[in-house]
N, C-alpha and C. Protein backbone atom coordinates (compact mmCIF):
# COMPACT_ATOMS: atom_id res chain seq x y z
N UNK A 1 0.85 -1.19 0.00
CA UNK A 1 0.00 0.00 0.00
C UNK A 1 0.89 1.25 0.00
N UNK A 2 0.57 2.21 -0.84
CA UNK A 2 1.35 3.44 -0.88
C UNK A 2 0.88 4.36 0.24
N UNK A 3 1.67 5.40 0.46
CA UNK A 3 1.29 6.30 1.55
C UNK A 3 0.13 7.21 1.14
N UNK A 4 -0.54 7.69 2.15
CA UNK A 4 -1.68 8.59 1.96
C UNK A 4 -1.15 9.94 1.50
N UNK A 5 -1.84 10.59 0.60
CA UNK A 5 -1.37 11.91 0.17
C UNK A 5 -1.58 12.93 1.29
N UNK A 6 -0.80 14.01 1.21
CA UNK A 6 -0.89 15.09 2.18
C UNK A 6 -2.33 15.58 2.30
N UNK A 7 -2.95 15.86 1.15
CA UNK A 7 -4.30 16.44 1.20
C UNK A 7 -5.33 15.43 1.71
N UNK A 8 -5.18 14.16 1.35
CA UNK A 8 -6.12 13.14 1.84
C UNK A 8 -6.00 13.00 3.36
N UNK A 9 -4.77 13.00 3.85
CA UNK A 9 -4.55 12.86 5.29
C UNK A 9 -5.14 14.06 6.03
N UNK A 10 -4.82 15.24 5.53
CA UNK A 10 -5.28 16.46 6.19
C UNK A 10 -6.79 16.61 6.11
N UNK A 11 -7.36 16.26 4.95
CA UNK A 11 -8.82 16.32 4.80
C UNK A 11 -9.49 15.41 5.82
N UNK A 12 -8.93 14.21 5.98
CA UNK A 12 -9.51 13.24 6.92
C UNK A 12 -9.41 13.76 8.35
N UNK A 13 -8.25 14.33 8.71
CA UNK A 13 -8.09 14.88 10.06
C UNK A 13 -9.06 16.04 10.26
N UNK A 14 -9.16 16.90 9.25
CA UNK A 14 -10.04 18.07 9.38
C UNK A 14 -11.49 17.63 9.57
N UNK A 15 -11.89 16.63 8.78
CA UNK A 15 -13.27 16.15 8.87
C UNK A 15 -13.52 15.46 10.21
N UNK A 16 -12.59 14.60 10.61
CA UNK A 16 -12.78 13.84 11.84
C UNK A 16 -12.70 14.72 13.07
N UNK A 17 -11.83 15.74 13.00
CA UNK A 17 -11.67 16.63 14.15
C UNK A 17 -12.61 17.81 14.10
N UNK A 18 -13.35 17.89 12.99
CA UNK A 18 -14.31 18.98 12.83
C UNK A 18 -13.63 20.34 12.93
N UNK A 19 -12.45 20.45 12.29
CA UNK A 19 -11.72 21.72 12.32
C UNK A 19 -12.30 22.67 11.29
N UNK A 20 -12.24 23.95 11.62
CA UNK A 20 -12.76 24.96 10.67
C UNK A 20 -11.83 25.12 9.48
N UNK A 21 -10.52 24.98 9.70
CA UNK A 21 -9.57 25.22 8.61
C UNK A 21 -8.55 24.09 8.51
N UNK A 22 -7.98 23.91 7.31
CA UNK A 22 -6.90 22.92 7.17
C UNK A 22 -5.71 23.27 8.06
N UNK A 23 -5.51 24.57 8.31
CA UNK A 23 -4.40 24.99 9.16
C UNK A 23 -4.54 24.40 10.58
N UNK A 24 -5.75 24.42 11.12
CA UNK A 24 -5.98 23.86 12.46
C UNK A 24 -5.72 22.36 12.46
N UNK A 25 -6.17 21.70 11.40
CA UNK A 25 -5.97 20.25 11.28
C UNK A 25 -4.47 19.94 11.20
N UNK A 26 -3.76 20.76 10.43
CA UNK A 26 -2.32 20.53 10.26
C UNK A 26 -1.57 20.73 11.57
N UNK A 27 -1.95 21.76 12.31
CA UNK A 27 -1.29 22.04 13.59
C UNK A 27 -1.50 20.85 14.55
N UNK A 28 -2.70 20.33 14.59
CA UNK A 28 -2.98 19.18 15.45
C UNK A 28 -2.15 17.98 15.00
N UNK A 29 -2.12 17.73 13.68
CA UNK A 29 -1.39 16.57 13.16
C UNK A 29 0.10 16.67 13.47
N UNK A 30 0.68 17.86 13.25
CA UNK A 30 2.11 18.04 13.51
C UNK A 30 2.44 17.79 14.98
N UNK A 31 1.62 18.34 15.87
CA UNK A 31 1.88 18.22 17.31
C UNK A 31 1.77 16.77 17.76
N UNK A 32 0.67 16.13 17.39
CA UNK A 32 0.41 14.76 17.86
C UNK A 32 1.46 13.79 17.30
N UNK A 33 1.81 13.94 16.02
CA UNK A 33 2.78 13.02 15.42
C UNK A 33 4.19 13.25 15.97
N UNK A 34 4.53 14.51 16.29
CA UNK A 34 5.84 14.77 16.90
C UNK A 34 5.94 14.12 18.27
N UNK A 35 4.87 14.21 19.05
CA UNK A 35 4.86 13.59 20.38
C UNK A 35 4.86 12.07 20.26
N UNK A 36 4.07 11.54 19.32
CA UNK A 36 4.00 10.09 19.15
C UNK A 36 5.34 9.54 18.69
N UNK A 37 5.99 10.26 17.78
CA UNK A 37 7.26 9.79 17.23
C UNK A 37 8.30 9.53 18.30
N UNK A 38 8.26 10.33 19.36
CA UNK A 38 9.21 10.17 20.46
C UNK A 38 8.99 8.87 21.23
N UNK A 39 7.84 8.26 21.04
CA UNK A 39 7.51 7.03 21.77
C UNK A 39 7.76 5.77 20.95
N UNK A 40 8.00 5.94 19.67
CA UNK A 40 8.11 4.77 18.80
C UNK A 40 9.55 4.56 18.38
N UNK A 41 9.91 3.30 18.16
CA UNK A 41 11.28 3.00 17.74
C UNK A 41 11.27 1.97 16.62
N UNK A 42 12.43 1.91 15.97
CA UNK A 42 12.70 0.79 15.07
C UNK A 42 11.80 0.66 13.87
N UNK A 43 11.62 -0.59 13.51
CA UNK A 43 10.92 -0.98 12.29
C UNK A 43 9.51 -0.40 12.22
N UNK A 44 8.79 -0.47 13.34
CA UNK A 44 7.41 0.01 13.34
C UNK A 44 7.33 1.49 13.02
N UNK A 45 8.25 2.25 13.60
CA UNK A 45 8.23 3.68 13.34
C UNK A 45 8.52 3.96 11.87
N UNK A 46 9.50 3.25 11.31
CA UNK A 46 9.85 3.43 9.89
C UNK A 46 8.68 3.02 9.00
N UNK A 47 8.04 1.92 9.37
CA UNK A 47 6.90 1.41 8.59
C UNK A 47 5.73 2.39 8.61
N UNK A 48 5.48 2.96 9.78
CA UNK A 48 4.40 3.94 9.90
C UNK A 48 4.74 5.17 9.06
N UNK A 49 5.97 5.63 9.16
CA UNK A 49 6.40 6.82 8.41
C UNK A 49 6.19 6.60 6.91
N UNK A 50 6.44 5.39 6.45
CA UNK A 50 6.31 5.09 5.02
C UNK A 50 4.86 5.20 4.55
N UNK A 51 3.91 5.12 5.49
CA UNK A 51 2.50 5.18 5.11
C UNK A 51 1.91 6.58 5.24
N UNK A 52 2.72 7.49 5.77
CA UNK A 52 2.23 8.86 5.99
C UNK A 52 2.76 9.79 4.90
N UNK A 53 2.09 10.92 4.68
CA UNK A 53 2.63 11.92 3.74
C UNK A 53 4.03 12.33 4.21
N UNK A 54 4.89 12.68 3.26
CA UNK A 54 6.31 12.90 3.56
C UNK A 54 6.55 13.89 4.70
N UNK A 55 5.86 15.02 4.69
CA UNK A 55 6.07 16.02 5.74
C UNK A 55 5.79 15.44 7.12
N UNK A 56 4.69 14.69 7.23
CA UNK A 56 4.36 14.09 8.52
C UNK A 56 5.31 12.95 8.86
N UNK A 57 5.77 12.24 7.85
CA UNK A 57 6.74 11.16 8.08
C UNK A 57 8.01 11.73 8.71
N UNK A 58 8.46 12.87 8.19
CA UNK A 58 9.68 13.50 8.72
C UNK A 58 9.48 13.94 10.17
N UNK A 59 8.30 14.44 10.48
CA UNK A 59 7.99 14.86 11.86
C UNK A 59 8.04 13.64 12.78
N UNK A 60 7.49 12.54 12.29
CA UNK A 60 7.47 11.31 13.08
C UNK A 60 8.89 10.78 13.31
N UNK A 61 9.75 10.91 12.30
CA UNK A 61 11.10 10.36 12.37
C UNK A 61 12.09 11.28 13.08
N UNK A 62 11.75 12.58 13.19
CA UNK A 62 12.62 13.52 13.91
C UNK A 62 11.82 14.13 15.06
N UNK A 63 11.45 13.31 16.01
CA UNK A 63 10.45 13.74 16.99
C UNK A 63 11.03 14.64 18.06
N UNK A 64 10.13 15.20 18.83
CA UNK A 64 10.50 15.86 20.08
C UNK A 64 11.01 14.72 20.96
N UNK A 65 12.10 14.92 21.64
CA UNK A 65 12.62 13.83 22.47
C UNK A 65 11.80 13.70 23.76
N UNK A 66 11.29 12.53 23.99
CA UNK A 66 10.55 12.28 25.24
C UNK A 66 11.54 11.73 26.25
N UNK A 67 11.59 12.32 27.41
CA UNK A 67 12.49 11.83 28.45
C UNK A 67 12.01 10.46 28.92
N UNK A 68 10.71 10.27 28.90
CA UNK A 68 10.14 9.00 29.34
C UNK A 68 8.82 8.83 28.60
N UNK A 69 8.37 7.59 28.45
CA UNK A 69 7.08 7.40 27.78
C UNK A 69 5.96 8.07 28.57
N UNK A 70 5.13 8.82 27.90
CA UNK A 70 4.02 9.49 28.56
C UNK A 70 2.83 8.55 28.66
N UNK A 71 2.15 8.58 29.78
CA UNK A 71 0.88 7.85 29.87
C UNK A 71 -0.08 8.55 28.91
N UNK A 72 -1.18 7.89 28.53
CA UNK A 72 -2.13 8.55 27.64
C UNK A 72 -2.59 9.91 28.18
N UNK A 73 -2.81 10.01 29.48
CA UNK A 73 -3.27 11.27 30.07
C UNK A 73 -2.22 12.36 29.88
N UNK A 74 -0.96 12.00 30.13
CA UNK A 74 0.11 13.00 30.00
C UNK A 74 0.37 13.34 28.54
N UNK A 75 0.13 12.38 27.65
CA UNK A 75 0.27 12.64 26.21
C UNK A 75 -0.74 13.71 25.79
N UNK A 76 -1.96 13.57 26.30
CA UNK A 76 -3.01 14.56 25.98
C UNK A 76 -2.63 15.92 26.58
N UNK A 77 -2.12 15.91 27.81
CA UNK A 77 -1.71 17.16 28.46
C UNK A 77 -0.58 17.83 27.68
N UNK A 78 0.38 17.03 27.21
CA UNK A 78 1.50 17.57 26.43
C UNK A 78 0.99 18.18 25.12
N UNK A 79 0.02 17.52 24.50
CA UNK A 79 -0.58 18.04 23.27
C UNK A 79 -1.23 19.39 23.55
N UNK A 80 -1.96 19.47 24.64
CA UNK A 80 -2.63 20.73 25.02
C UNK A 80 -1.59 21.84 25.22
N UNK A 81 -0.44 21.48 25.80
CA UNK A 81 0.60 22.47 26.07
C UNK A 81 1.20 23.03 24.77
N UNK A 82 1.24 22.20 23.72
CA UNK A 82 1.85 22.62 22.46
C UNK A 82 0.89 23.36 21.55
N UNK A 83 -0.39 23.19 21.74
CA UNK A 83 -1.36 23.83 20.84
C UNK A 83 -1.95 25.06 21.54
N UNK A 84 -1.73 26.19 20.94
CA UNK A 84 -2.17 27.45 21.53
C UNK A 84 -3.67 27.45 21.76
N UNK A 85 -4.08 27.81 22.96
CA UNK A 85 -5.50 27.92 23.26
C UNK A 85 -6.20 26.59 23.50
N UNK A 86 -5.43 25.50 23.52
CA UNK A 86 -6.06 24.18 23.71
C UNK A 86 -6.32 23.92 25.19
N UNK A 87 -7.31 23.10 25.46
CA UNK A 87 -7.56 22.60 26.81
C UNK A 87 -7.35 21.09 26.74
N UNK A 88 -7.37 20.43 27.88
CA UNK A 88 -7.21 18.97 27.82
C UNK A 88 -8.35 18.34 27.03
N UNK A 89 -9.53 18.93 27.13
CA UNK A 89 -10.67 18.37 26.42
C UNK A 89 -10.49 18.51 24.90
N UNK A 90 -10.06 19.70 24.45
CA UNK A 90 -9.87 19.88 23.01
C UNK A 90 -8.67 19.07 22.54
N UNK A 91 -7.65 18.94 23.40
CA UNK A 91 -6.47 18.16 23.02
C UNK A 91 -6.82 16.69 22.85
N UNK A 92 -7.71 16.19 23.70
CA UNK A 92 -8.14 14.80 23.58
C UNK A 92 -8.79 14.59 22.21
N UNK A 93 -9.56 15.57 21.80
CA UNK A 93 -10.21 15.54 20.49
C UNK A 93 -9.15 15.56 19.38
N UNK A 94 -8.14 16.46 19.53
CA UNK A 94 -7.06 16.57 18.54
C UNK A 94 -6.34 15.23 18.40
N UNK A 95 -5.98 14.65 19.53
CA UNK A 95 -5.24 13.39 19.54
C UNK A 95 -6.07 12.30 18.86
N UNK A 96 -7.35 12.21 19.23
CA UNK A 96 -8.22 11.19 18.64
C UNK A 96 -8.37 11.35 17.14
N UNK A 97 -8.52 12.60 16.69
CA UNK A 97 -8.70 12.85 15.25
C UNK A 97 -7.45 12.43 14.48
N UNK A 98 -6.30 12.85 14.96
CA UNK A 98 -5.05 12.57 14.24
C UNK A 98 -4.71 11.08 14.29
N UNK A 99 -4.79 10.49 15.49
CA UNK A 99 -4.38 9.09 15.61
C UNK A 99 -5.35 8.14 14.91
N UNK A 100 -6.63 8.49 14.85
CA UNK A 100 -7.55 7.59 14.16
C UNK A 100 -7.31 7.61 12.65
N UNK A 101 -6.96 8.78 12.10
CA UNK A 101 -6.63 8.86 10.68
C UNK A 101 -5.31 8.12 10.42
N UNK A 102 -4.35 8.31 11.33
CA UNK A 102 -3.07 7.61 11.21
C UNK A 102 -3.28 6.10 11.24
N UNK A 103 -4.20 5.65 12.11
CA UNK A 103 -4.50 4.23 12.23
C UNK A 103 -5.08 3.69 10.92
N UNK A 104 -5.96 4.48 10.30
CA UNK A 104 -6.52 4.08 9.00
C UNK A 104 -5.40 3.92 7.98
N UNK A 105 -4.44 4.85 8.00
CA UNK A 105 -3.32 4.80 7.05
C UNK A 105 -2.41 3.61 7.36
N UNK A 106 -2.23 3.33 8.64
CA UNK A 106 -1.29 2.28 9.05
C UNK A 106 -1.85 0.87 8.82
N UNK A 107 -3.15 0.71 9.00
CA UNK A 107 -3.73 -0.63 8.91
C UNK A 107 -3.67 -1.32 10.27
N UNK A 108 -4.47 -2.39 10.40
CA UNK A 108 -4.64 -3.03 11.70
C UNK A 108 -3.39 -3.69 12.25
N UNK A 109 -2.67 -4.40 11.40
CA UNK A 109 -1.52 -5.16 11.88
C UNK A 109 -0.45 -4.23 12.46
N UNK A 110 -0.12 -3.17 11.71
CA UNK A 110 0.90 -2.23 12.17
C UNK A 110 0.40 -1.49 13.42
N UNK A 111 -0.86 -1.11 13.43
CA UNK A 111 -1.41 -0.41 14.60
C UNK A 111 -1.26 -1.28 15.86
N UNK A 112 -1.55 -2.57 15.73
CA UNK A 112 -1.39 -3.48 16.87
C UNK A 112 0.05 -3.48 17.37
N UNK A 113 1.00 -3.52 16.42
CA UNK A 113 2.41 -3.54 16.81
C UNK A 113 2.85 -2.21 17.41
N UNK A 114 2.29 -1.10 16.92
CA UNK A 114 2.61 0.21 17.50
C UNK A 114 2.12 0.28 18.95
N UNK A 115 0.93 -0.24 19.18
CA UNK A 115 0.36 -0.20 20.53
C UNK A 115 1.22 -0.97 21.53
N UNK A 116 1.90 -2.01 21.06
CA UNK A 116 2.77 -2.79 21.95
C UNK A 116 3.95 -1.94 22.45
N UNK A 117 4.33 -0.91 21.69
CA UNK A 117 5.45 -0.05 22.10
C UNK A 117 5.01 1.05 23.06
N UNK A 118 3.72 1.24 23.19
CA UNK A 118 3.22 2.38 23.96
C UNK A 118 2.72 1.94 25.34
N UNK A 119 2.73 2.86 26.30
CA UNK A 119 2.17 2.53 27.61
C UNK A 119 0.70 2.12 27.46
N UNK A 120 0.17 1.33 28.42
CA UNK A 120 -1.22 0.88 28.33
C UNK A 120 -2.20 2.04 28.25
N UNK A 121 -3.29 1.83 27.52
CA UNK A 121 -4.35 2.84 27.45
C UNK A 121 -4.36 3.61 26.14
N UNK A 122 -3.30 3.49 25.34
CA UNK A 122 -3.26 4.25 24.08
C UNK A 122 -4.30 3.76 23.08
N UNK A 123 -4.72 2.50 23.23
CA UNK A 123 -5.73 2.00 22.29
C UNK A 123 -6.97 2.89 22.32
N UNK A 124 -7.27 3.49 23.48
CA UNK A 124 -8.44 4.39 23.57
C UNK A 124 -8.20 5.66 22.77
N UNK A 125 -6.94 6.14 22.76
CA UNK A 125 -6.62 7.36 22.01
C UNK A 125 -6.64 7.10 20.51
N UNK A 126 -6.36 5.86 20.11
CA UNK A 126 -6.31 5.53 18.69
C UNK A 126 -7.70 5.38 18.09
N UNK A 127 -8.72 5.32 18.95
CA UNK A 127 -10.09 5.18 18.46
C UNK A 127 -10.57 6.47 17.84
N UNK A 128 -11.68 6.41 17.16
CA UNK A 128 -12.22 7.61 16.55
C UNK A 128 -12.81 8.52 17.61
N UNK A 129 -12.61 9.83 17.49
CA UNK A 129 -13.24 10.72 18.46
C UNK A 129 -14.75 10.76 18.21
N UNK A 130 -15.46 11.33 19.13
CA UNK A 130 -16.91 11.41 18.94
C UNK A 130 -17.58 10.37 19.78
N UNK A 131 -18.85 10.14 19.55
CA UNK A 131 -19.60 9.22 20.43
C UNK A 131 -19.01 7.83 20.38
N UNK A 132 -18.92 7.17 21.52
CA UNK A 132 -18.36 5.82 21.52
C UNK A 132 -19.27 4.85 20.78
N UNK A 133 -18.67 3.84 20.23
CA UNK A 133 -19.44 2.83 19.51
C UNK A 133 -20.08 1.88 20.50
N UNK A 134 -20.58 0.76 20.01
CA UNK A 134 -21.18 -0.22 20.92
C UNK A 134 -20.12 -0.75 21.88
N UNK A 135 -20.50 -1.07 23.10
CA UNK A 135 -19.50 -1.55 24.08
C UNK A 135 -18.84 -2.81 23.58
N UNK A 136 -17.54 -2.94 23.87
CA UNK A 136 -16.81 -4.14 23.41
C UNK A 136 -16.75 -5.18 24.52
N UNK A 137 -17.19 -4.81 25.71
CA UNK A 137 -17.23 -5.81 26.78
C UNK A 137 -15.94 -5.90 27.56
N UNK A 138 -14.91 -5.10 27.21
CA UNK A 138 -13.67 -5.21 27.97
C UNK A 138 -13.47 -4.02 28.90
N UNK A 139 -14.52 -3.33 29.25
CA UNK A 139 -14.39 -2.18 30.17
C UNK A 139 -14.31 -2.66 31.59
């Protein structure tokens, strides 16, 4: 599978995150992918980068250095800190919008392997934002 085009990725983030402008969608995508990149290593990170538009791939591969893996809650807080005017609630939305589009681009197998590199609870962030779907029974 080839990588998603810049405009397709951004359009999907904008639609999923309900952003007013592509600029807002891009800012969310850059922030979330830079933070995520610091948590991923090796083959999986390279594989994910290959499925993303080049600009986002470079952000993922040259990430902000994380001193330690962030829990999902701290990941959302860090996102809020990087996005001007964001709150934890809006940042949670940003993270969900970006990561769910990234998950679509990555496919299920790679997403599963990425989740193994992350602290527990990230699977919730990788889901689509908005109303939860039917219960899966593992709550």
